[in-house]
């Protein structure tokens, strides 16, 4: 299995922005549709944004218009630009493949995003 390392989280005030990064290794990154997921205590991980190998994107309704997913295949990295953050965006954010997440890349440690005044 490949490995994923998420970074870029932190504490931000409502309305603020963060940019998350996810570095992949051990598998041919450019072959995979990728996604960003988030999880809050007691809840299942949910997909918030995805990007295909060709760069087509889609988003959960809760983040549409505020989050932007992108990828750099030369750097084996996927990004999540988060703007206009809300307290309900508070979660641990993970990246993984869009299809069968956890099968070809192990889940990383995630990165905590906390939106609070």
Protein backbone atom coordinates (compact mmCIF):
# COMPACT_ATOMS: atom_id res chain seq x y z
CA UNK A 1 0.00 0.00 0.00
CA UNK A 2 0.98 3.60 -0.52
CA UNK A 3 1.24 6.26 2.12
CA UNK A 4 -0.45 9.64 2.52
CA UNK A 5 0.64 12.55 4.68
CA UNK A 6 -1.80 15.40 5.27
CA UNK A 7 -0.75 18.84 6.48
CA UNK A 8 -1.90 22.44 6.66
CA UNK A 9 -4.61 22.30 9.28
CA UNK A 10 -4.92 24.61 12.25
CA UNK A 11 -7.11 27.00 14.18
CA UNK A 12 -8.82 29.70 12.15
CA UNK A 13 -11.57 32.20 12.80
CA UNK A 14 -14.90 31.96 11.00
CA UNK A 15 -14.57 33.43 7.55
CA UNK A 16 -10.90 32.56 7.35
CA UNK A 17 -9.00 30.34 4.95
CA UNK A 18 -6.69 27.35 5.04
CA UNK A 19 -4.90 25.31 2.42
CA UNK A 20 -4.47 21.62 3.07
CA UNK A 21 -1.89 19.45 1.34
CA UNK A 22 -1.66 15.69 0.97
CA UNK A 23 1.57 14.11 -0.20
CA UNK A 24 1.33 10.62 -1.66
CA UNK A 25 4.00 7.97 -2.06
CA UNK A 26 4.36 4.32 -2.90
CA UNK A 27 1.68 4.10 -5.62
CA UNK A 28 1.28 5.72 -9.07
CA UNK A 29 -0.56 8.80 -7.81
CA UNK A 30 -1.55 10.06 -11.26
CA UNK A 31 -3.57 6.88 -11.87
CA UNK A 32 -6.04 7.62 -9.10
CA UNK A 33 -9.07 9.82 -8.67
CA UNK A 34 -8.49 11.43 -5.28
CA UNK A 35 -10.70 12.84 -2.57
CA UNK A 36 -10.65 14.86 0.61
CA UNK A 37 -12.67 13.46 3.48
CA UNK A 38 -13.49 14.78 6.92
CA UNK A 39 -14.56 13.22 10.16
CA UNK A 40 -15.93 14.52 13.44
CA UNK A 41 -16.11 12.53 16.67
CA UNK A 42 -18.79 9.88 16.60
CA UNK A 43 -19.46 10.28 12.90
CA UNK A 44 -18.38 8.48 9.76
CA UNK A 45 -15.85 9.92 7.43
CA UNK A 46 -17.55 11.93 4.68
CA UNK A 47 -16.29 12.87 1.25
CA UNK A 48 -16.20 16.64 0.75
CA UNK A 49 -14.31 17.04 -2.53
CA UNK A 50 -12.96 14.84 -5.30
CA UNK A 51 -10.81 15.23 -8.37
CA UNK A 52 -10.40 12.82 -11.26
CA UNK A 53 -7.13 11.90 -12.93
CA UNK A 54 -8.00 14.45 -15.60
CA UNK A 55 -8.79 17.23 -13.16
CA UNK A 56 -12.58 17.14 -13.11
CA UNK A 57 -13.86 18.14 -9.69
CA UNK A 58 -16.97 17.72 -7.62
CA UNK A 59 -17.98 18.82 -4.16
CA UNK A 60 -20.39 18.07 -1.36
CA UNK A 61 -23.18 20.61 -1.16
CA UNK A 62 -21.95 21.78 2.24
CA UNK A 63 -18.67 23.07 0.79
CA UNK A 64 -19.58 23.94 -2.78
CA UNK A 65 -18.45 27.43 -3.68
CA UNK A 66 -16.10 27.65 -0.70
CA UNK A 67 -13.63 24.76 -1.15
CA UNK A 68 -11.43 24.03 -4.16
CA UNK A 69 -9.62 20.76 -4.75
CA UNK A 70 -6.60 20.58 -7.03
CA UNK A 71 -3.71 18.26 -7.74
CA UNK A 72 -0.12 18.39 -8.91
CA UNK A 73 0.83 15.02 -10.34
CA UNK A 74 4.48 16.05 -10.69
CA UNK A 75 4.58 16.51 -6.91
CA UNK A 76 2.27 13.59 -6.09
CA UNK A 77 0.18 16.02 -4.07
CA UNK A 78 -3.48 16.92 -3.77
CA UNK A 79 -4.63 20.19 -2.23
CA UNK A 80 -7.77 21.57 -0.65
CA UNK A 81 -8.19 25.33 -0.56
CA UNK A 82 -10.81 26.19 2.03
CA UNK A 83 -12.30 29.68 2.11
CA UNK A 84 -15.13 31.26 4.09
CA UNK A 85 -14.68 28.66 6.78
CA UNK A 86 -17.53 27.96 9.18
CA UNK A 87 -17.54 26.37 12.64
CA UNK A 88 -19.27 23.34 11.14
CA UNK A 89 -16.19 22.74 8.98
CA UNK A 90 -14.32 21.76 12.13
CA UNK A 91 -13.10 18.19 11.66
CA UNK A 92 -10.08 16.03 10.98
CA UNK A 93 -9.40 16.11 7.25
CA UNK A 94 -7.98 13.15 5.34
CA UNK A 95 -7.17 12.43 1.74
CA UNK A 96 -7.45 9.10 -0.03
CA UNK A 97 -8.58 7.64 -3.30
CA UNK A 98 -12.09 8.51 -4.43
CA UNK A 99 -12.96 4.87 -5.06
CA UNK A 100 -12.33 2.19 -2.45
CA UNK A 101 -10.52 4.56 -0.06
CA UNK A 102 -8.06 2.78 2.15
CA UNK A 103 -7.47 -0.07 -0.28
CA UNK A 104 -4.44 1.19 -2.23
CA UNK A 105 -3.30 3.91 0.17
CA UNK A 106 -3.43 3.55 3.92
CA UNK A 107 -5.22 6.29 5.76
CA UNK A 108 -2.87 8.99 7.02
CA UNK A 109 -3.04 10.67 10.38
CA UNK A 110 -5.19 13.46 9.02
CA UNK A 111 -4.93 17.14 9.80
CA UNK A 112 -7.12 18.90 12.33
CA UNK A 113 -9.08 21.94 11.21
CA UNK A 114 -10.74 23.98 13.93
CA UNK A 115 -12.92 26.96 13.06
CA UNK A 116 -13.66 29.03 16.13
CA UNK A 117 -13.61 32.60 17.34
